[in-house]
PDB file of all heavy atoms in Angstrom:
ATOM      1  N   VAL A   1      -0.216 -40.861 -29.905  1.00  0.00           N
ATOM      2  CA  VAL A   1      -0.659 -39.471 -29.890  1.00  0.00           C
ATOM      3  C   VAL A   1      -0.679 -39.014 -28.502  1.00  0.00           C
ATOM      4  O   VAL A   1      -1.292 -39.526 -27.597  1.00  0.00           O
ATOM      5  CB  VAL A   1      -2.153 -39.471 -30.447  1.00  0.00           C
ATOM      6  CG1 VAL A   1      -2.707 -37.985 -30.321  1.00  0.00           C
ATOM      7  CG2 VAL A   1      -2.219 -39.859 -31.873  1.00  0.00           C
ATOM      8  N   TRP A   2       0.161 -37.918 -28.336  1.00  0.00           N
ATOM      9  CA  TRP A   2       0.356 -37.308 -27.051  1.00  0.00           C
ATOM     10  C   TRP A   2      -0.828 -36.321 -26.877  1.00  0.00           C
ATOM     11  O   TRP A   2      -1.376 -36.211 -25.694  1.00  0.00           O
ATOM     12  CB  TRP A   2       1.685 -36.468 -27.041  1.00  0.00           C
ATOM     13  CG  TRP A   2       2.137 -36.019 -25.659  1.00  0.00           C
ATOM     14  CD1 TRP A   2       2.822 -36.799 -24.754  1.00  0.00           C
ATOM     15  CD2 TRP A   2       1.826 -34.753 -25.048  1.00  0.00           C
ATOM     16  NE1 TRP A   2       3.089 -36.028 -23.642  1.00  0.00           N
ATOM     17  CE2 TRP A   2       2.485 -34.749 -23.844  1.00  0.00           C
ATOM     18  CE3 TRP A   2       1.204 -33.503 -25.519  1.00  0.00           C
ATOM     19  CZ2 TRP A   2       2.471 -33.595 -22.981  1.00  0.00           C
ATOM     20  CZ3 TRP A   2       1.194 -32.446 -24.719  1.00  0.00           C
ATOM     21  CH2 TRP A   2       1.860 -32.461 -23.458  1.00  0.00           C
ATOM     22  N   ALA A   3      -1.244 -35.647 -27.847  1.00  0.00           N
ATOM     23  CA  ALA A   3      -2.399 -34.761 -27.770  1.00  0.00           C
ATOM     24  C   ALA A   3      -3.005 -34.529 -29.172  1.00  0.00           C
ATOM     25  O   ALA A   3      -2.410 -34.271 -30.140  1.00  0.00           O
ATOM     26  CB  ALA A   3      -2.038 -33.368 -27.257  1.00  0.00           C
ATOM     27  N   ASP A   4      -4.296 -34.918 -29.201  1.00  0.00           N
ATOM     28  CA  ASP A   4      -5.117 -34.677 -30.408  1.00  0.00           C
ATOM     29  C   ASP A   4      -5.503 -33.159 -30.351  1.00  0.00           C
ATOM     30  O   ASP A   4      -6.251 -32.740 -29.443  1.00  0.00           O
ATOM     31  CB  ASP A   4      -6.337 -35.612 -30.491  1.00  0.00           C
ATOM     32  CG  ASP A   4      -7.100 -35.424 -31.790  1.00  0.00           C
ATOM     33  OD1 ASP A   4      -7.051 -34.366 -32.450  1.00  0.00           O
ATOM     34  OD2 ASP A   4      -7.964 -36.397 -32.061  1.00  0.00           O
ATOM     35  N   LEU A   5      -5.144 -32.419 -31.356  1.00  0.00           N
ATOM     36  CA  LEU A   5      -5.457 -30.834 -31.347  1.00  0.00           C
ATOM     37  C   LEU A   5      -6.615 -30.619 -32.246  1.00  0.00           C
ATOM     38  O   LEU A   5      -6.911 -29.365 -32.464  1.00  0.00           O
ATOM     39  CB  LEU A   5      -4.289 -30.138 -31.780  1.00  0.00           C
ATOM     40  CG  LEU A   5      -2.897 -30.627 -30.949  1.00  0.00           C
ATOM     41  CD1 LEU A   5      -1.719 -29.812 -31.516  1.00  0.00           C
ATOM     42  CD2 LEU A   5      -3.114 -30.197 -29.489  1.00  0.00           C
ATOM     43  N   GLY A   6      -7.455 -31.462 -32.772  1.00  0.00           N
ATOM     44  CA  GLY A   6      -8.513 -31.140 -33.500  1.00  0.00           C
ATOM     45  C   GLY A   6      -8.045 -30.533 -34.798  1.00  0.00           C
ATOM     46  O   GLY A   6      -7.285 -31.005 -35.616  1.00  0.00           O
ATOM     47  N   ASP A   7      -8.542 -29.292 -35.034  1.00  0.00           N
ATOM     48  CA  ASP A   7      -8.196 -28.499 -36.222  1.00  0.00           C
ATOM     49  C   ASP A   7      -6.857 -27.622 -36.021  1.00  0.00           C
ATOM     50  O   ASP A   7      -6.515 -26.836 -36.815  1.00  0.00           O
ATOM     51  CB  ASP A   7      -9.262 -27.618 -36.744  1.00  0.00           C
ATOM     52  CG  ASP A   7      -9.598 -26.447 -35.833  1.00  0.00           C
ATOM     53  OD1 ASP A   7      -9.166 -26.446 -34.658  1.00  0.00           O
ATOM     54  OD2 ASP A   7     -10.315 -25.467 -36.333  1.00  0.00           O
ATOM     55  N   GLY A   8      -6.198 -27.905 -34.865  1.00  0.00           N
ATOM     56  CA  GLY A   8      -5.026 -27.133 -34.590  1.00  0.00           C
ATOM     57  C   GLY A   8      -3.939 -27.588 -35.529  1.00  0.00           C
ATOM     58  O   GLY A   8      -3.868 -28.614 -36.042  1.00  0.00           O
ATOM     59  N   ALA A   9      -3.011 -26.643 -35.790  1.00  0.00           N
ATOM     60  CA  ALA A   9      -1.804 -26.870 -36.793  1.00  0.00           C
ATOM     61  C   ALA A   9      -0.595 -26.495 -36.047  1.00  0.00           C
ATOM     62  O   ALA A   9      -0.054 -25.381 -36.212  1.00  0.00           O
ATOM     63  CB  ALA A   9      -2.074 -26.077 -37.983  1.00  0.00           C
ATOM     64  N   PRO A  10      -0.029 -27.402 -35.200  1.00  0.00           N
ATOM     65  CA  PRO A  10       1.063 -27.146 -34.413  1.00  0.00           C
ATOM     66  C   PRO A  10       2.378 -26.916 -35.337  1.00  0.00           C
ATOM     67  O   PRO A  10       2.594 -27.614 -36.144  1.00  0.00           O
ATOM     68  CB  PRO A  10       1.195 -28.300 -33.550  1.00  0.00           C
ATOM     69  CG  PRO A  10       0.664 -29.427 -34.317  1.00  0.00           C
ATOM     70  CD  PRO A  10      -0.461 -28.874 -35.016  1.00  0.00           C
ATOM     71  N   ASP A  11       3.099 -25.925 -34.839  1.00  0.00           N
ATOM     72  CA  ASP A  11       4.378 -25.642 -35.609  1.00  0.00           C
ATOM     73  C   ASP A  11       5.542 -25.766 -34.595  1.00  0.00           C
ATOM     74  O   ASP A  11       5.719 -26.793 -34.033  1.00  0.00           O
ATOM     75  CB  ASP A  11       4.311 -24.185 -36.148  1.00  0.00           C
ATOM     76  CG  ASP A  11       5.308 -23.918 -37.387  1.00  0.00           C
ATOM     77  OD1 ASP A  11       6.405 -24.483 -37.295  1.00  0.00           O
ATOM     78  OD2 ASP A  11       4.957 -23.275 -38.283  1.00  0.00           O
ATOM     79  N   GLY A  12       6.138 -24.652 -34.204  1.00  0.00           N
ATOM     80  CA  GLY A  12       7.210 -24.856 -33.238  1.00  0.00           C
ATOM     81  C   GLY A  12       6.590 -25.080 -31.820  1.00  0.00           C
ATOM     82  O   GLY A  12       5.483 -24.653 -31.531  1.00  0.00           O
ATOM     83  N   ILE A  13       7.294 -25.833 -30.963  1.00  0.00           N
ATOM     84  CA  ILE A  13       6.848 -26.221 -29.701  1.00  0.00           C
ATOM     85  C   ILE A  13       7.871 -26.139 -28.563  1.00  0.00           C
ATOM     86  O   ILE A  13       9.096 -26.112 -29.004  1.00  0.00           O
ATOM     87  CB  ILE A  13       6.184 -27.660 -29.672  1.00  0.00           C
ATOM     88  CG1 ILE A  13       7.375 -28.774 -29.771  1.00  0.00           C
ATOM     89  CG2 ILE A  13       5.170 -27.882 -30.602  1.00  0.00           C
ATOM     90  CD1 ILE A  13       6.868 -30.134 -29.703  1.00  0.00           C
ATOM     91  N   CYS A  14       7.420 -26.077 -27.355  1.00  0.00           N
ATOM     92  CA  CYS A  14       8.348 -26.195 -26.210  1.00  0.00           C
ATOM     93  C   CYS A  14       7.615 -26.780 -24.996  1.00  0.00           C
ATOM     94  O   CYS A  14       6.415 -26.800 -24.980  1.00  0.00           O
ATOM     95  CB  CYS A  14       8.982 -24.856 -25.859  1.00  0.00           C
ATOM     96  SG  CYS A  14       7.717 -23.513 -25.349  1.00  0.00           S
ATOM     97  N   VAL A  15       8.372 -27.314 -24.093  1.00  0.00           N
ATOM     98  CA  VAL A  15       7.801 -27.907 -22.935  1.00  0.00           C
ATOM     99  C   VAL A  15       8.091 -27.132 -21.626  1.00  0.00           C
ATOM    100  O   VAL A  15       9.124 -26.501 -21.454  1.00  0.00           O
ATOM    101  CB  VAL A  15       8.514 -29.385 -22.728  1.00  0.00           C
ATOM    102  CG1 VAL A  15       8.042 -30.104 -21.414  1.00  0.00           C
ATOM    103  CG2 VAL A  15       8.369 -30.209 -23.982  1.00  0.00           C
ATOM    104  N   ASP A  16       7.038 -27.155 -20.692  1.00  0.00           N
ATOM    105  CA  ASP A  16       7.301 -26.362 -19.483  1.00  0.00           C
ATOM    106  C   ASP A  16       7.484 -27.362 -18.310  1.00  0.00           C
ATOM    107  O   ASP A  16       7.241 -28.538 -18.483  1.00  0.00           O
ATOM    108  CB  ASP A  16       6.180 -25.287 -19.309  1.00  0.00           C
ATOM    109  CG  ASP A  16       4.764 -25.833 -18.870  1.00  0.00           C
ATOM    110  OD1 ASP A  16       4.647 -27.012 -18.444  1.00  0.00           O
ATOM    111  OD2 ASP A  16       3.857 -25.139 -19.209  1.00  0.00           O
ATOM    112  N   ALA A  17       7.711 -26.766 -17.165  1.00  0.00           N
ATOM    113  CA  ALA A  17       8.032 -27.557 -15.975  1.00  0.00           C
ATOM    114  C   ALA A  17       6.860 -28.357 -15.440  1.00  0.00           C
ATOM    115  O   ALA A  17       6.931 -29.193 -14.588  1.00  0.00           O
ATOM    116  CB  ALA A  17       8.578 -26.717 -14.897  1.00  0.00           C
ATOM    117  N   ASP A  18       5.544 -27.992 -15.773  1.00  0.00           N
ATOM    118  CA  ASP A  18       4.398 -28.624 -15.452  1.00  0.00           C
ATOM    119  C   ASP A  18       4.143 -29.777 -16.378  1.00  0.00           C
ATOM    120  O   ASP A  18       3.072 -30.478 -16.192  1.00  0.00           O
ATOM    121  CB  ASP A  18       3.237 -27.726 -15.350  1.00  0.00           C
ATOM    122  CG  ASP A  18       3.233 -26.688 -14.190  1.00  0.00           C
ATOM    123  OD1 ASP A  18       4.027 -26.946 -13.274  1.00  0.00           O
ATOM    124  OD2 ASP A  18       2.420 -25.744 -14.228  1.00  0.00           O
ATOM    125  N   GLY A  19       4.930 -29.968 -17.287  1.00  0.00           N
ATOM    126  CA  GLY A  19       4.706 -31.157 -18.296  1.00  0.00           C
ATOM    127  C   GLY A  19       3.811 -30.755 -19.456  1.00  0.00           C
ATOM    128  O   GLY A  19       3.362 -31.653 -20.198  1.00  0.00           O
ATOM    129  N   ALA A  20       3.389 -29.544 -19.508  1.00  0.00           N
ATOM    130  CA  ALA A  20       2.495 -29.078 -20.635  1.00  0.00           C
ATOM    131  C   ALA A  20       3.351 -28.702 -21.765  1.00  0.00           C
ATOM    132  O   ALA A  20       4.572 -28.373 -21.684  1.00  0.00           O
ATOM    133  CB  ALA A  20       1.671 -27.935 -20.150  1.00  0.00           C
ATOM    134  N   VAL A  21       2.774 -28.661 -22.972  1.00  0.00           N
ATOM    135  CA  VAL A  21       3.469 -28.231 -24.244  1.00  0.00           C
ATOM    136  C   VAL A  21       2.831 -26.952 -24.759  1.00  0.00           C
ATOM    137  O   VAL A  21       1.614 -26.906 -24.820  1.00  0.00           O
ATOM    138  CB  VAL A  21       3.406 -29.392 -25.319  1.00  0.00           C
ATOM    139  CG1 VAL A  21       3.949 -28.828 -26.613  1.00  0.00           C
ATOM    140  CG2 VAL A  21       4.268 -30.586 -24.801  1.00  0.00           C
ATOM    141  N   TRP A  22       3.607 -26.002 -25.093  1.00  0.00           N
ATOM    142  CA  TRP A  22       3.086 -24.809 -25.902  1.00  0.00           C
ATOM    143  C   TRP A  22       3.380 -25.110 -27.349  1.00  0.00           C
ATOM    144  O   TRP A  22       4.402 -25.652 -27.663  1.00  0.00           O
ATOM    145  CB  TRP A  22       4.097 -23.557 -25.492  1.00  0.00           C
ATOM    146  CG  TRP A  22       3.622 -22.993 -24.233  1.00  0.00           C
ATOM    147  CD1 TRP A  22       4.220 -23.089 -22.910  1.00  0.00           C
ATOM    148  CD2 TRP A  22       2.666 -22.004 -23.994  1.00  0.00           C
ATOM    149  NE1 TRP A  22       3.609 -22.309 -21.996  1.00  0.00           N
ATOM    150  CE2 TRP A  22       2.610 -21.600 -22.604  1.00  0.00           C
ATOM    151  CE3 TRP A  22       1.625 -21.399 -24.840  1.00  0.00           C
ATOM    152  CZ2 TRP A  22       1.739 -20.642 -22.186  1.00  0.00           C
ATOM    153  CZ3 TRP A  22       0.769 -20.465 -24.296  1.00  0.00           C
ATOM    154  CH2 TRP A  22       0.783 -20.100 -23.019  1.00  0.00           C
ATOM    155  N   TYR A  23       2.405 -24.816 -28.236  1.00  0.00           N
ATOM    156  CA  TYR A  23       2.656 -24.930 -29.578  1.00  0.00           C
ATOM    157  C   TYR A  23       2.209 -23.618 -30.319  1.00  0.00           C
ATOM    158  O   TYR A  23       1.191 -22.999 -29.922  1.00  0.00           O
ATOM    159  CB  TYR A  23       1.947 -26.155 -30.149  1.00  0.00           C
ATOM    160  CG  TYR A  23       0.404 -26.006 -30.402  1.00  0.00           C
ATOM    161  CD1 TYR A  23      -0.166 -25.551 -31.470  1.00  0.00           C
ATOM    162  CD2 TYR A  23      -0.315 -26.711 -29.338  1.00  0.00           C
ATOM    163  CE1 TYR A  23      -1.598 -25.563 -31.550  1.00  0.00           C
ATOM    164  CE2 TYR A  23      -1.750 -26.634 -29.495  1.00  0.00           C
ATOM    165  CZ  TYR A  23      -2.395 -26.037 -30.677  1.00  0.00           C
ATOM    166  OH  TYR A  23      -3.742 -26.108 -30.701  1.00  0.00           O
ATOM    167  N   ALA A  24       2.969 -23.219 -31.296  1.00  0.00           N
ATOM    168  CA  ALA A  24       2.556 -22.107 -32.157  1.00  0.00           C
ATOM    169  C   ALA A  24       1.760 -22.637 -33.353  1.00  0.00           C
ATOM    170  O   ALA A  24       1.904 -23.763 -33.764  1.00  0.00           O
ATOM    171  CB  ALA A  24       3.894 -21.423 -32.752  1.00  0.00           C
ATOM    172  N   ASP A  25       0.719 -21.809 -33.636  1.00  0.00           N
ATOM    173  CA  ASP A  25      -0.246 -22.205 -34.744  1.00  0.00           C
ATOM    174  C   ASP A  25      -0.391 -21.022 -35.784  1.00  0.00           C
ATOM    175  O   ASP A  25      -0.871 -19.991 -35.353  1.00  0.00           O
ATOM    176  CB  ASP A  25      -1.534 -22.552 -34.048  1.00  0.00           C
ATOM    177  CG  ASP A  25      -2.521 -23.082 -34.898  1.00  0.00           C
ATOM    178  OD1 ASP A  25      -2.803 -22.684 -36.128  1.00  0.00           O
ATOM    179  OD2 ASP A  25      -3.187 -24.056 -34.402  1.00  0.00           O
ATOM    180  N   VAL A  26       0.123 -21.243 -36.965  1.00  0.00           N
ATOM    181  CA  VAL A  26       0.097 -20.315 -37.979  1.00  0.00           C
ATOM    182  C   VAL A  26      -1.359 -19.861 -38.297  1.00  0.00           C
ATOM    183  O   VAL A  26      -1.735 -18.648 -38.278  1.00  0.00           O
ATOM    184  CB  VAL A  26       0.913 -20.635 -39.209  1.00  0.00           C
ATOM    185  CG1 VAL A  26       0.848 -19.526 -40.281  1.00  0.00           C
ATOM    186  CG2 VAL A  26       2.344 -20.852 -38.750  1.00  0.00           C
ATOM    187  N   PRO A  27      -2.170 -20.838 -38.863  1.00  0.00           N
ATOM    188  CA  PRO A  27      -3.518 -20.445 -39.311  1.00  0.00           C
ATOM    189  C   PRO A  27      -4.353 -19.713 -38.284  1.00  0.00           C
ATOM    190  O   PRO A  27      -5.258 -18.960 -38.591  1.00  0.00           O
ATOM    191  CB  PRO A  27      -4.029 -21.660 -40.027  1.00  0.00           C
ATOM    192  CG  PRO A  27      -3.321 -22.697 -39.522  1.00  0.00           C
ATOM    193  CD  PRO A  27      -1.927 -22.215 -39.163  1.00  0.00           C
ATOM    194  N   HIS A  28      -4.270 -20.257 -37.076  1.00  0.00           N
ATOM    195  CA  HIS A  28      -5.246 -19.747 -35.966  1.00  0.00           C
ATOM    196  C   HIS A  28      -4.691 -18.541 -35.291  1.00  0.00           C
ATOM    197  O   HIS A  28      -5.317 -17.943 -34.477  1.00  0.00           O
ATOM    198  CB  HIS A  28      -5.490 -20.902 -34.993  1.00  0.00           C
ATOM    199  CG  HIS A  28      -6.126 -21.997 -35.631  1.00  0.00           C
ATOM    200  ND1 HIS A  28      -5.662 -23.212 -36.010  1.00  0.00           N
ATOM    201  CD2 HIS A  28      -7.572 -22.089 -35.930  1.00  0.00           C
ATOM    202  CE1 HIS A  28      -6.640 -23.846 -36.467  1.00  0.00           C
ATOM    203  NE2 HIS A  28      -7.652 -23.235 -36.440  1.00  0.00           N
ATOM    204  N   ARG A  29      -3.377 -18.148 -35.653  1.00  0.00           N
ATOM    205  CA  ARG A  29      -2.722 -16.935 -35.043  1.00  0.00           C
ATOM    206  C   ARG A  29      -2.805 -16.923 -33.569  1.00  0.00           C
ATOM    207  O   ARG A  29      -3.116 -15.975 -32.957  1.00  0.00           O
ATOM    208  CB  ARG A  29      -3.514 -15.648 -35.635  1.00  0.00           C
ATOM    209  CG  ARG A  29      -3.329 -15.666 -37.192  1.00  0.00           C
ATOM    210  CD  ARG A  29      -3.785 -14.375 -37.789  1.00  0.00           C
ATOM    211  NE  ARG A  29      -5.015 -13.899 -37.248  1.00  0.00           N
ATOM    212  CZ  ARG A  29      -5.653 -12.797 -37.681  1.00  0.00           C
ATOM    213  NH1 ARG A  29      -5.164 -12.037 -38.606  1.00  0.00           N
ATOM    214  NH2 ARG A  29      -6.879 -12.533 -37.126  1.00  0.00           N
ATOM    215  N   TRP A  30      -2.254 -18.054 -32.935  1.00  0.00           N
ATOM    216  CA  TRP A  30      -2.133 -18.149 -31.521  1.00  0.00           C
ATOM    217  C   TRP A  30      -1.146 -19.118 -31.121  1.00  0.00           C
ATOM    218  O   TRP A  30      -0.628 -19.869 -31.878  1.00  0.00           O
ATOM    219  CB  TRP A  30      -3.483 -18.510 -30.927  1.00  0.00           C
ATOM    220  CG  TRP A  30      -4.124 -19.715 -31.251  1.00  0.00           C
ATOM    221  CD1 TRP A  30      -3.638 -20.833 -31.964  1.00  0.00           C
ATOM    222  CD2 TRP A  30      -5.503 -20.126 -31.130  1.00  0.00           C
ATOM    223  NE1 TRP A  30      -4.519 -21.803 -32.082  1.00  0.00           N
ATOM    224  CE2 TRP A  30      -5.722 -21.396 -31.739  1.00  0.00           C
ATOM    225  CE3 TRP A  30      -6.663 -19.467 -30.569  1.00  0.00           C
ATOM    226  CZ2 TRP A  30      -6.944 -22.097 -31.783  1.00  0.00           C
ATOM    227  CZ3 TRP A  30      -7.818 -20.154 -30.605  1.00  0.00           C
ATOM    228  CH2 TRP A  30      -7.995 -21.468 -31.225  1.00  0.00           C
TER     229      TRP A  30
END
């Protein structure tokens, strides 16, 4: 597990130069 997101629902993702991941979340609209 790279990141436990609790009730997050990750869809599309991408990585940034700081090593963080952005994830899109349909039900939470963010």
